[in-house]
Amino acid sequence: MNYETRDTYGMYKHKHHAGPGPRLMGADTLNGNDVYNTYDEDLGDIKEIMLDVASGKIAYAVLSFGGILGLGEKLFAVPWKALKLDTENKRFILDVSKERLQNAPGFDKDDWPDMADTSWSDSIHNFYSVEPFSSRQH
């Protein structure tokens, strides 16, 4: 699935960029978007966009990977900075192999981590080799 198919308001349908995308996009249209790696392997799809309410910034995309029809899937909080929008293929790119993602710190849908905990956040950002998110950044 991609953001154009979830666009109920027609904001991405314009051929000559009369709409807001791709620099500004609706969070709801990003849920369900496919995520691939740089080897063109399907890594899953985005289930949630996690906002830091105090700063108004996106902190994480929650990626679902593995399982069949939602059973046995593992969730991963991927720092927003680690994702790149591929507008040509209408999907996101995450520069990790499937094997590395399988070993990433993940969680179960019934046992979410405290994403505001700085030690947890630092470990996630270190894993994906991106600068740690801080709600104090401007």
Protein backbone atom coordinates (compact mmCIF):
# COMPACT_ATOMS: atom_id res chain seq x y z
CA MET A 1 0.00 0.00 0.00
CA ASN A 2 1.16 3.56 -0.53
CA TYR A 3 0.24 7.09 0.42
CA GLU A 4 -1.58 7.78 -2.85
CA THR A 5 -4.05 4.95 -2.25
CA ARG A 6 -4.78 6.25 1.28
CA ASP A 7 -5.23 9.85 0.09
CA THR A 8 -8.93 10.51 0.75
CA TYR A 9 -8.61 14.26 0.12
CA GLY A 10 -6.73 14.19 -3.19
CA MET A 11 -3.68 16.03 -1.88
CA TYR A 12 -1.20 13.79 -3.77
CA LYS A 13 -3.11 13.37 -7.03
CA HIS A 14 -1.82 16.55 -8.68
CA LYS A 15 0.76 15.99 -11.41
CA HIS A 16 2.21 19.50 -11.17
CA HIS A 17 2.67 19.68 -7.37
CA ALA A 18 -0.35 21.82 -6.58
CA GLY A 19 -0.75 19.79 -3.37
CA PRO A 20 1.39 19.64 -0.21
CA GLY A 21 3.28 16.39 -0.84
CA PRO A 22 5.91 15.09 -0.65
CA ARG A 23 7.48 17.67 1.72
CA LEU A 24 4.35 17.86 3.88
CA MET A 25 2.22 14.74 4.16
CA GLY A 26 -0.74 13.61 6.21
CA ALA A 27 0.27 11.16 8.94
CA ASP A 28 -2.78 8.98 8.31
CA THR A 29 -1.81 8.55 4.65
CA LEU A 30 1.60 7.20 5.73
CA ASN A 31 0.16 4.38 7.87
CA GLY A 32 0.24 1.19 5.83
CA ASN A 33 3.03 2.39 3.53
CA ASP A 34 5.51 -0.22 2.43
CA VAL A 35 9.10 -0.11 3.66
CA TYR A 36 11.89 -1.58 1.55
CA ASN A 37 15.63 -1.69 2.02
CA THR A 38 18.29 -0.58 -0.43
CA TYR A 39 18.46 -4.18 -1.77
CA ASP A 40 14.79 -3.84 -2.88
CA GLU A 41 13.65 -6.31 -0.21
CA ASP A 42 10.26 -5.79 1.44
CA LEU A 43 10.76 -5.07 5.15
CA GLY A 44 7.12 -4.63 6.08
CA ASP A 45 4.84 -1.67 6.49
CA ILE A 46 4.27 1.30 8.75
CA LYS A 47 1.63 0.72 11.42
CA GLU A 48 1.90 3.97 13.40
CA ILE A 49 3.56 7.35 13.32
CA MET A 50 4.72 8.37 16.81
CA LEU A 51 4.69 12.11 17.46
CA ASP A 52 6.53 13.92 20.20
CA VAL A 53 3.62 16.07 21.29
CA ALA A 54 5.76 18.63 23.13
CA SER A 55 7.97 19.42 20.13
CA GLY A 56 5.51 18.63 17.35
CA LYS A 57 8.12 16.42 15.64
CA ILE A 58 7.85 12.87 14.40
CA ALA A 59 9.94 10.62 16.61
CA TYR A 60 9.36 7.13 15.19
CA ALA A 61 7.56 5.10 12.62
CA VAL A 62 6.41 1.76 13.98
CA LEU A 63 7.29 -0.89 11.41
CA SER A 64 5.61 -4.28 11.27
CA PHE A 65 7.87 -7.07 10.02
CA GLY A 66 7.42 -10.81 9.73
CA GLY A 67 4.47 -12.99 10.52
CA ILE A 68 1.58 -13.98 8.31
CA LEU A 69 -1.67 -11.99 8.24
CA GLY A 70 -0.67 -10.16 11.41
CA LEU A 71 0.14 -13.34 13.35
CA GLY A 72 3.67 -13.57 14.71
CA GLU A 73 4.60 -10.13 13.47
CA LYS A 74 7.17 -8.13 15.37
CA LEU A 75 7.01 -4.36 15.74
CA PHE A 76 10.00 -2.04 15.54
CA ALA A 77 10.27 1.62 16.42
CA VAL A 78 12.36 3.06 13.61
CA PRO A 79 13.68 6.58 14.11
CA TRP A 80 12.03 8.86 11.60
CA LYS A 81 15.46 10.12 10.53
CA ALA A 82 16.38 6.59 9.41
CA LEU A 83 13.62 6.50 6.78
CA LYS A 84 13.79 8.05 3.33
CA LEU A 85 10.74 8.61 1.14
CA ASP A 86 11.04 7.00 -2.29
CA THR A 87 8.57 9.14 -4.28
CA GLU A 88 9.18 7.23 -7.50
CA ASN A 89 8.05 3.90 -6.00
CA LYS A 90 5.78 5.50 -3.36
CA ARG A 91 7.32 3.75 -0.40
CA PHE A 92 9.91 4.27 2.31
CA ILE A 93 13.51 3.08 2.25
CA LEU A 94 15.29 1.86 5.39
CA ASP A 95 18.99 1.11 4.94
CA VAL A 96 19.15 -2.21 6.85
CA SER A 97 19.26 -5.80 5.67
CA LYS A 98 16.44 -8.21 6.56
CA GLU A 99 18.86 -10.12 8.78
CA ARG A 100 19.82 -6.99 10.70
CA LEU A 101 16.17 -6.02 11.13
CA GLN A 102 15.38 -9.49 12.49
CA ASN A 103 17.96 -8.80 15.22
CA ALA A 104 16.76 -5.25 15.90
CA PRO A 105 15.24 -4.37 19.25
CA GLY A 106 11.55 -4.95 18.71
CA PHE A 107 8.40 -5.49 20.69
CA ASP A 108 5.07 -7.25 20.68
CA LYS A 109 1.82 -5.41 19.95
CA ASP A 110 0.70 -6.14 23.52
CA ASP A 111 3.94 -4.99 25.20
CA TRP A 112 5.05 -1.57 23.93
CA PRO A 113 8.23 0.00 25.32
CA ASP A 114 8.37 3.38 27.02
CA MET A 115 9.48 5.33 23.96
CA ALA A 116 10.05 8.45 26.07
CA ASP A 117 12.75 6.66 28.11
CA THR A 118 16.07 8.19 27.02
CA SER A 119 18.13 5.02 27.48
CA TRP A 120 15.68 3.06 25.30
CA SER A 121 15.64 5.87 22.73
CA ASP A 122 19.45 6.09 22.66
CA SER A 123 19.74 2.32 22.06
CA ILE A 124 17.26 2.44 19.18
CA HIS A 125 19.01 5.39 17.54
CA ASN A 126 22.40 3.72 17.97
CA PHE A 127 21.09 0.55 16.33
CA TYR A 128 19.95 2.48 13.25
CA SER A 129 23.03 4.77 13.32
CA VAL A 130 21.11 8.03 13.52
CA GLU A 131 21.36 10.94 15.91
CA PRO A 132 19.13 10.45 18.99
CA PHE A 133 15.78 12.20 18.94
CA SER A 134 15.22 14.81 21.59
CA SER A 135 11.99 16.66 22.25
CA ARG A 136 14.22 19.57 23.26
CA GLN A 137 15.73 19.88 19.74
CA HIS A 138 14.56 22.84 17.67
